[in-house]
Structures are given as C-alpha cells and as structure tokens.
C-alpha atoms as a PDB file:
ATOM      1  CA  MET A   1      16.737 126.916  13.724  1.00  0.00           C
ATOM      2  CA  PHE A   2      19.880 127.661  11.713  1.00  0.00           C
ATOM      3  CA  SER A   3      20.088 130.489   9.240  1.00  0.00           C
ATOM      4  CA  LYS A   4      21.398 129.997   5.718  1.00  0.00           C
ATOM      5  CA  ARG A   5      24.962 131.123   4.874  1.00  0.00           C
ATOM      6  CA  SER A   6      24.964 134.538   3.261  1.00  0.00           C
ATOM      7  CA  SER A   7      25.385 134.711  -0.460  1.00  0.00           C
ATOM      8  CA  GLY A   8      28.667 136.730  -0.041  1.00  0.00           C
ATOM      9  CA  ALA A   9      30.522 133.891   1.750  1.00  0.00           C
ATOM     10  CA  ARG A  10      32.980 131.870  -0.358  1.00  0.00           C
ATOM     11  CA  GLY A  11      33.819 128.193  -0.100  1.00  0.00           C
ATOM     12  CA  ALA A  12      37.013 128.233  -2.188  1.00  0.00           C
ATOM     13  CA  PHE A  13      40.176 130.307  -2.797  1.00  0.00           C
ATOM     14  CA  THR A  14      40.521 132.468  -5.833  1.00  0.00           C
ATOM     15  CA  LEU A  15      43.362 131.979  -8.321  1.00  0.00           C
ATOM     16  CA  VAL A  16      45.028 135.178  -7.050  1.00  0.00           C
ATOM     17  CA  GLU A  17      45.013 133.905  -3.466  1.00  0.00           C
ATOM     18  CA  VAL A  18      46.487 130.564  -4.534  1.00  0.00           C
ATOM     19  CA  MET A  19      49.231 132.296  -6.502  1.00  0.00           C
ATOM     20  CA  LEU A  20      50.050 134.545  -3.551  1.00  0.00           C
ATOM     21  CA  ALA A  21      50.226 131.544  -1.225  1.00  0.00           C
ATOM     22  CA  VAL A  22      52.518 129.676  -3.633  1.00  0.00           C
ATOM     23  CA  GLY A  23      54.739 132.765  -3.882  1.00  0.00           C
ATOM     24  CA  VAL A  24      55.049 133.022  -0.092  1.00  0.00           C
ATOM     25  CA  ILE A  25      55.883 129.320   0.172  1.00  0.00           C
ATOM     26  CA  ALA A  26      58.468 129.611  -2.613  1.00  0.00           C
ATOM     27  CA  LEU A  27      60.148 132.583  -0.913  1.00  0.00           C
ATOM     28  CA  THR A  28      60.167 130.741   2.413  1.00  0.00           C
ATOM     29  CA  LEU A  29      61.696 127.622   0.870  1.00  0.00           C
ATOM     30  CA  THR A  30      64.342 129.695  -0.926  1.00  0.00           C
ATOM     31  CA  ALA A  31      65.317 131.368   2.341  1.00  0.00           C
ATOM     32  CA  MET A  32      65.418 128.012   4.142  1.00  0.00           C
ATOM     33  CA  ILE A  33      67.601 126.444   1.422  1.00  0.00           C
ATOM     34  CA  GLY A  34      69.979 129.409   1.612  1.00  0.00           C
ATOM     35  CA  LEU A  35      70.139 129.102   5.395  1.00  0.00           C
ATOM     36  CA  LEU A  36      70.734 125.355   5.160  1.00  0.00           C
ATOM     37  CA  ALA A  37      73.587 125.897   2.697  1.00  0.00           C
ATOM     38  CA  SER A  38      75.132 128.467   5.031  1.00  0.00           C
ATOM     39  CA  ILE A  39      74.842 126.108   8.016  1.00  0.00           C
ATOM     40  CA  THR A  40      76.379 123.242   6.020  1.00  0.00           C
ATOM     41  CA  SER A  41      79.257 125.475   4.938  1.00  0.00           C
ATOM     42  CA  ASN A  42      79.906 126.549   8.533  1.00  0.00           C
ATOM     43  CA  VAL A  43      79.805 122.956   9.774  1.00  0.00           C
ATOM     44  CA  ASN A  44      82.295 121.900   7.092  1.00  0.00           C
ATOM     45  CA  GLN A  45      84.578 124.821   7.959  1.00  0.00           C
ATOM     46  CA  ILE A  46      84.580 123.832  11.634  1.00  0.00           C
ATOM     47  CA  ARG A  47      85.286 120.214  10.689  1.00  0.00           C
ATOM     48  CA  TYR A  48      88.180 121.250   8.443  1.00  0.00           C
ATOM     49  CA  GLN A  49      89.659 123.480  11.143  1.00  0.00           C
ATOM     50  CA  THR A  50      89.389 120.713  13.733  1.00  0.00           C
ATOM     51  CA  LYS A  51      91.226 118.328  11.417  1.00  0.00           C
ATOM     52  CA  ALA A  52      93.833 120.979  10.637  1.00  0.00           C
ATOM     53  CA  VAL A  53      94.561 121.462  14.345  1.00  0.00           C
ATOM     54  CA  SER A  54      95.042 117.712  14.755  1.00  0.00           C
ATOM     55  CA  LEU A  55      97.471 117.739  11.821  1.00  0.00           C
ATOM     56  CA  LEU A  56      99.775 120.098  13.714  1.00  0.00           C
ATOM     57  CA  ALA A  57     100.874 117.159  15.883  1.00  0.00           C
ATOM     58  CA  ASN A  58     101.689 115.174  12.741  1.00  0.00           C
ATOM     59  CA  LEU A  59     103.575 118.140  11.346  1.00  0.00           C
ATOM     60  CA  GLU A  60     105.595 118.508  14.549  1.00  0.00           C
ATOM     61  CA  THR A  61     106.529 114.834  14.238  1.00  0.00           C
ATOM     62  CA  VAL A  62     107.703 115.439  10.671  1.00  0.00           C
ATOM     63  CA  LEU A  63     109.846 118.367  11.841  1.00  0.00           C
ATOM     64  CA  LYS A  64     111.392 116.275  14.630  1.00  0.00           C
ATOM     65  CA  MET A  65     112.343 113.554  12.161  1.00  0.00           C
ATOM     66  CA  LYS A  66     114.091 116.041   9.878  1.00  0.00           C
ATOM     67  CA  THR A  67     117.518 117.521  10.583  1.00  0.00           C
ATOM     68  CA  PHE A  68     117.905 121.211  11.238  1.00  0.00           C
ATOM     69  CA  ASP A  69     119.832 121.500   7.957  1.00  0.00           C
ATOM     70  CA  GLU A  70     116.905 120.048   5.985  1.00  0.00           C
ATOM     71  CA  VAL A  71     114.287 122.325   7.500  1.00  0.00           C
ATOM     72  CA  PHE A  72     116.619 125.304   7.106  1.00  0.00           C
ATOM     73  CA  SER A  73     116.887 124.561   3.374  1.00  0.00           C
ATOM     74  CA  TRP A  74     113.070 124.457   3.147  1.00  0.00           C
ATOM     75  CA  VAL A  75     112.423 127.928   4.525  1.00  0.00           C
ATOM     76  CA  ALA A  76     115.678 129.897   4.225  1.00  0.00           C
ATOM     77  CA  PRO A  77     115.027 131.189   0.653  1.00  0.00           C
ATOM     78  CA  ALA A  78     111.895 133.013   1.913  1.00  0.00           C
ATOM     79  CA  SER A  79     110.738 133.281  -1.704  1.00  0.00           C
ATOM     80  CA  GLY A  80     108.174 130.496  -1.586  1.00  0.00           C
ATOM     81  CA  ALA A  81     106.750 127.730   0.560  1.00  0.00           C
ATOM     82  CA  TYR A  82     107.738 124.126   1.179  1.00  0.00           C
ATOM     83  CA  VAL A  83     104.688 121.918   0.660  1.00  0.00           C
ATOM     84  CA  ILE A  84     103.655 118.808   2.580  1.00  0.00           C
ATOM     85  CA  TYR A  85     100.430 116.899   1.822  1.00  0.00           C
ATOM     86  CA  PHE A  86      98.459 114.977   4.458  1.00  0.00           C
ATOM     87  CA  TRP A  87      95.666 112.457   3.950  1.00  0.00           C
ATOM     88  CA  ASP A  88      93.942 109.615   5.819  1.00  0.00           C
ATOM     89  CA  GLU A  89      94.228 106.151   4.356  1.00  0.00           C
ATOM     90  CA  TYR A  90      92.539 102.862   5.290  1.00  0.00           C
ATOM     91  CA  GLN A  91      94.974 100.513   7.013  1.00  0.00           C
ATOM     92  CA  ASN A  92      93.431  97.521   5.266  1.00  0.00           C
ATOM     93  CA  PRO A  93      91.457  98.721   2.227  1.00  0.00           C
ATOM     94  CA  SER A  94      90.645  95.144   1.130  1.00  0.00           C
ATOM     95  CA  ASP A  95      88.701  94.518   4.360  1.00  0.00           C
ATOM     96  CA  PRO A  96      85.404  96.449   4.320  1.00  0.00           C
ATOM     97  CA  ASP A  97      84.869  95.707   8.023  1.00  0.00           C
ATOM     98  CA  ASN A  98      88.142  97.381   8.989  1.00  0.00           C
ATOM     99  CA  SER A  99      87.561 101.129   9.034  1.00  0.00           C
ATOM    100  CA  SER A 100      90.806 102.028  10.811  1.00  0.00           C
ATOM    101  CA  LEU A 101      92.570 105.008   9.305  1.00  0.00           C
ATOM    102  CA  MET A 102      96.154 106.199   9.448  1.00  0.00           C
ATOM    103  CA  THR A 103      97.397 109.664   8.571  1.00  0.00           C
ATOM    104  CA  LEU A 104     100.042 109.677   5.851  1.00  0.00           C
ATOM    105  CA  ASN A 105     102.086 112.498   4.377  1.00  0.00           C
ATOM    106  CA  SER A 106     104.274 113.211   1.374  1.00  0.00           C
ATOM    107  CA  GLU A 107     107.450 113.169   3.503  1.00  0.00           C
ATOM    108  CA  LEU A 108     107.132 109.467   4.326  1.00  0.00           C
ATOM    109  CA  SER A 109     109.249 106.875   2.556  1.00  0.00           C
ATOM    110  CA  GLY A 110     107.593 105.678  -0.647  1.00  0.00           C
ATOM    111  CA  PHE A 111     105.969 108.997  -1.461  1.00  0.00           C
ATOM    112  CA  LYS A 112     107.240 111.917  -3.511  1.00  0.00           C
ATOM    113  CA  GLN A 113     108.204 115.011  -1.554  1.00  0.00           C
ATOM    114  CA  ASN A 114     106.150 118.126  -2.322  1.00  0.00           C
ATOM    115  CA  MET A 115     103.722 115.991  -4.335  1.00  0.00           C
ATOM    116  CA  PRO A 116     100.065 115.117  -3.616  1.00  0.00           C
ATOM    117  CA  PRO A 117      99.021 111.472  -3.115  1.00  0.00           C
ATOM    118  CA  ASP A 118      99.041 109.348  -6.258  1.00  0.00           C
ATOM    119  CA  LYS A 119      96.000 107.631  -7.770  1.00  0.00           C
ATOM    120  CA  LEU A 120      96.379 104.447  -5.700  1.00  0.00           C
ATOM    121  CA  SER A 121      96.688 106.393  -2.453  1.00  0.00           C
ATOM    122  CA  LEU A 122      93.607 108.433  -3.346  1.00  0.00           C
ATOM    123  CA  GLU A 123      91.632 105.243  -3.951  1.00  0.00           C
ATOM    124  CA  ARG A 124      92.622 104.011  -0.489  1.00  0.00           C
ATOM    125  CA  SER A 125      92.069 107.349   1.209  1.00  0.00           C
ATOM    126  CA  TYR A 126      89.090 108.763   3.056  1.00  0.00           C
ATOM    127  CA  GLY A 127      88.027 112.364   3.471  1.00  0.00           C
ATOM    128  CA  GLU A 128      89.771 115.495   2.321  1.00  0.00           C
ATOM    129  CA  ILE A 129      93.364 116.071   1.284  1.00  0.00           C
ATOM    130  CA  PHE A 130      95.185 118.761   3.238  1.00  0.00           C
ATOM    131  CA  ARG A 131      98.044 120.830   1.838  1.00  0.00           C
ATOM    132  CA  VAL A 132     100.476 122.502   4.231  1.00  0.00           C
ATOM    133  CA  ASN A 133     102.600 125.439   3.119  1.00  0.00           C
ATOM    134  CA  MET A 134     105.632 126.054   5.320  1.00  0.00           C
ATOM    135  CA  SER A 135     107.595 129.301   5.104  1.00  0.00           C
ATOM    136  CA  LEU A 136     109.957 131.377   7.184  1.00  0.00           C
ATOM    137  CA  TYR A 137     108.090 133.455   9.774  1.00  0.00           C
ATOM    138  CA  GLN A 138     110.146 136.568   9.196  1.00  0.00           C
ATOM    139  CA  ALA A 139     108.381 138.722  11.791  1.00  0.00           C
ATOM    140  CA  ALA A 140     109.812 136.567  14.605  1.00  0.00           C
ATOM    141  CA  LEU A 141     113.381 137.286  13.470  1.00  0.00           C
ATOM    142  CA  LYS A 142     113.131 141.054  13.000  1.00  0.00           C
ATOM    143  CA  GLY A 143     115.858 142.791  14.989  1.00  0.00           C
ATOM    144  CA  GLU A 144     117.804 139.568  15.661  1.00  0.00           C
ATOM    145  CA  ARG A 145     121.388 138.771  14.686  1.00  0.00           C
ATOM    146  CA  VAL A 146     120.751 135.718  12.564  1.00  0.00           C
ATOM    147  CA  ARG A 147     124.181 135.144  11.033  1.00  0.00           C
ATOM    148  CA  ILE A 148     127.332 134.190  12.906  1.00  0.00           C
ATOM    149  CA  GLY A 149     130.006 136.847  12.608  1.00  0.00           C
ATOM    150  CA  ASP A 150     127.549 139.438  11.291  1.00  0.00           C
ATOM    151  CA  SER A 151     126.512 142.162  13.739  1.00  0.00           C
ATOM    152  CA  SER A 152     123.774 143.547  11.488  1.00  0.00           C
ATOM    153  CA  LEU A 153     120.169 142.972  12.508  1.00  0.00           C
ATOM    154  CA  TYR A 154     117.742 140.962  10.398  1.00  0.00           C
ATOM    155  CA  SER A 155     115.140 143.125   8.670  1.00  0.00           C
ATOM    156  CA  GLY A 156     113.511 140.515   6.448  1.00  0.00           C
ATOM    157  CA  GLY A 157     114.147 138.381   3.395  1.00  0.00           C
ATOM    158  CA  ALA A 158     116.134 135.231   2.777  1.00  0.00           C
ATOM    159  CA  LEU A 159     118.520 133.690   5.295  1.00  0.00           C
ATOM    160  CA  THR A 160     121.849 133.705   3.490  1.00  0.00           C
ATOM    161  CA  GLY A 161     124.638 131.219   4.003  1.00  0.00           C
ATOM    162  CA  ALA A 162     124.604 127.654   5.287  1.00  0.00           C
ATOM    163  CA  SER A 163     122.647 126.472   8.311  1.00  0.00           C
ATOM    164  CA  THR A 164     125.934 126.206  10.237  1.00  0.00           C
ATOM    165  CA  GLU A 165     126.238 129.997   9.909  1.00  0.00           C
ATOM    166  CA  TYR A 166     122.783 130.590  11.358  1.00  0.00           C
ATOM    167  CA  ALA A 167     123.186 132.205  14.772  1.00  0.00           C
ATOM    168  CA  LEU A 168     119.962 131.190  16.533  1.00  0.00           C
ATOM    169  CA  GLY A 169     118.973 127.837  17.962  1.00  0.00           C
ATOM    170  CA  TYR A 170     115.525 127.843  16.434  1.00  0.00           C
ATOM    171  CA  LEU A 171     113.716 128.484  13.166  1.00  0.00           C
ATOM    172  CA  PRO A 172     110.257 130.110  13.282  1.00  0.00           C
ATOM    173  CA  ILE A 173     108.031 128.540  10.646  1.00  0.00           C
ATOM    174  CA  LYS A 174     104.704 129.890   9.430  1.00  0.00           C
ATOM    175  CA  VAL A 175     102.252 127.104   8.706  1.00  0.00           C
ATOM    176  CA  ASP A 176      99.267 127.621   6.381  1.00  0.00           C
ATOM    177  CA  ILE A 177      96.862 124.704   5.977  1.00  0.00           C
ATOM    178  CA  PHE A 178      94.513 124.319   3.010  1.00  0.00           C
ATOM    179  CA  VAL A 179      91.785 121.779   2.278  1.00  0.00           C
ATOM    180  CA  GLU A 180      91.943 120.420  -1.270  1.00  0.00           C
ATOM    181  CA  PRO A 181      89.069 119.080  -3.408  1.00  0.00           C
ATOM    182  CA  ARG A 182      89.913 115.508  -4.349  1.00  0.00           C
ATOM    183  CA  SER A 183      89.163 116.234  -8.004  1.00  0.00           C
ATOM    184  CA  ASP A 184      91.352 119.339  -8.149  1.00  0.00           C
ATOM    185  CA  ILE A 185      94.327 119.008  -5.815  1.00  0.00           C
ATOM    186  CA  THR A 186      96.770 121.901  -6.026  1.00  0.00           C
ATOM    187  CA  ASN A 187     100.214 120.770  -7.119  1.00  0.00           C
ATOM    188  CA  GLY A 188     102.631 123.077  -5.321  1.00  0.00           C
ATOM    189  CA  GLN A 189     102.248 126.132  -3.119  1.00  0.00           C
ATOM    190  CA  GLY A 190      99.246 127.502  -5.044  1.00  0.00           C
ATOM    191  CA  ASN A 191      98.470 131.083  -5.959  1.00  0.00           C
ATOM    192  CA  ALA A 192      96.858 133.863  -3.943  1.00  0.00           C
ATOM    193  CA  GLU A 193      93.337 133.201  -5.283  1.00  0.00           C
ATOM    194  CA  ILE A 194      93.380 129.451  -4.693  1.00  0.00           C
ATOM    195  CA  ASN A 195      94.972 129.777  -1.273  1.00  0.00           C
ATOM    196  CA  GLU A 196      92.446 132.369  -0.142  1.00  0.00           C
ATOM    197  CA  GLN A 197      89.580 130.067  -1.107  1.00  0.00           C
ATOM    198  CA  ARG A 198      91.011 126.910   0.448  1.00  0.00           C
ATOM    199  CA  LYS A 199      92.787 128.130   3.582  1.00  0.00           C
ATOM    200  CA  VAL A 200      91.337 126.746   6.820  1.00  0.00           C
ATOM    201  CA  TYR A 201      94.035 127.319   9.440  1.00  0.00           C
ATOM    202  CA  GLU A 202      97.374 128.967  10.188  1.00  0.00           C
ATOM    203  CA  ASP A 203      99.881 128.723  13.014  1.00  0.00           C
ATOM    204  CA  ILE A 204     103.548 129.133  13.946  1.00  0.00           C
ATOM    205  CA  LEU A 205     105.848 126.179  14.689  1.00  0.00           C
ATOM    206  CA  TYR A 206     109.531 126.096  15.659  1.00  0.00           C
ATOM    207  CA  LYS A 207     112.339 123.803  14.607  1.00  0.00           C
ATOM    208  CA  THR A 208     115.145 123.648  17.157  1.00  0.00           C
ATOM    209  CA  ARG A 209     118.670 122.417  16.702  1.00  0.00           C
END
C-alpha cells in the first residue's frame, strides 16, 4: 500500500527558480559566444599568417625580377615604406566550375605600382588582400661601411648616393605584411594605428647584386 505524497512536496518550479535558471543559461551562452568569437579570431589569425608566409616566395620572385638599382631606390630613403599588394584571382572568372586561383601583385604589368587592385580585379579576386610594406632593415647595416670611398661606419638613416656607390653586395629589407578588409583597403604604407591592427607577419629578405 502506497502512502500519499506529503502536502509540502511541489510539482512545479516557482517563478524565482525559473528566472534563476534563465539567468544561468544566459550567462553560459554569453561565455560560450565570447569563447567562440575568440576561437574564430585565432583561427583567422593563423590562416592569415599561413598565407603571409606563402607570399614570401612570391615576394622573393618580385625581388629577383627587379634590378638592384630599382630595389635600392625603394628602400634607400629610409623615411617610409615601398608598398606591394598581393591578391588571389580566379584564372577564369566566367567559368564557375573552374576554381583555380593565381596570385597577382601590383608590380605585374598592367597594374599600378604601389596601388591596391582596381574594382575589376576585386570582382575577380577571392579571399583577403595583403599589403606588404618594404623598408630598409637598418639594424643589419649598423657598423658597416656602406658607401664606397667613405670609411665612416653606418649608424642609421638613409643610404645616400647612387646604388653604384653602395659598398655591400646585398640590401637587407624588412618586410611587414598586413591583411586588408576588402571594403577598406589601405592606400599606401598606412599609419601606426592601422598597421598595428592589421599586421599579421614580419620577416627579413635580402636583395643581392
């Protein structure tokens, strides 16, 4: 024989209990959304850095195609950066079944040097636009005699004179790579605030004679 349930037992939750439960769920969801956003940001950062590393090979190809005089003129002033843009473009944009991509840059024939891709190129492109700032890596030249006929040691600043008066057989170049939002591509070397937000990679390359 079963006894009756006591009169103190409850069969439903009170409004306070429901509100507390909703509050706990809301806090948990907020924490999970924040964690998801952080994970997504980290994944994107890794993806950008991986792409930036692959662009170094493209950048080395650009440097090989340029004369020593040209690259010297890019970095010798030491007062700013020479900018090259990179982006991936569909080889045959009119064929939806052809997803092959090729990496283009602003130094190629048909594009404007130091300028981001134009509207047509953006329509044909896929993924992010990468901006590369190239400048003289002055730390690598400290204490070197960098000018023919001048016995003084380099302590920093611009490389004066023509490239034919440069005493070394190499130019150390600091490379900073930034990822650019397609809707707000930086035109030029950018400022400190923008570059801090968008920088994904840096490295040192050398141009030899």
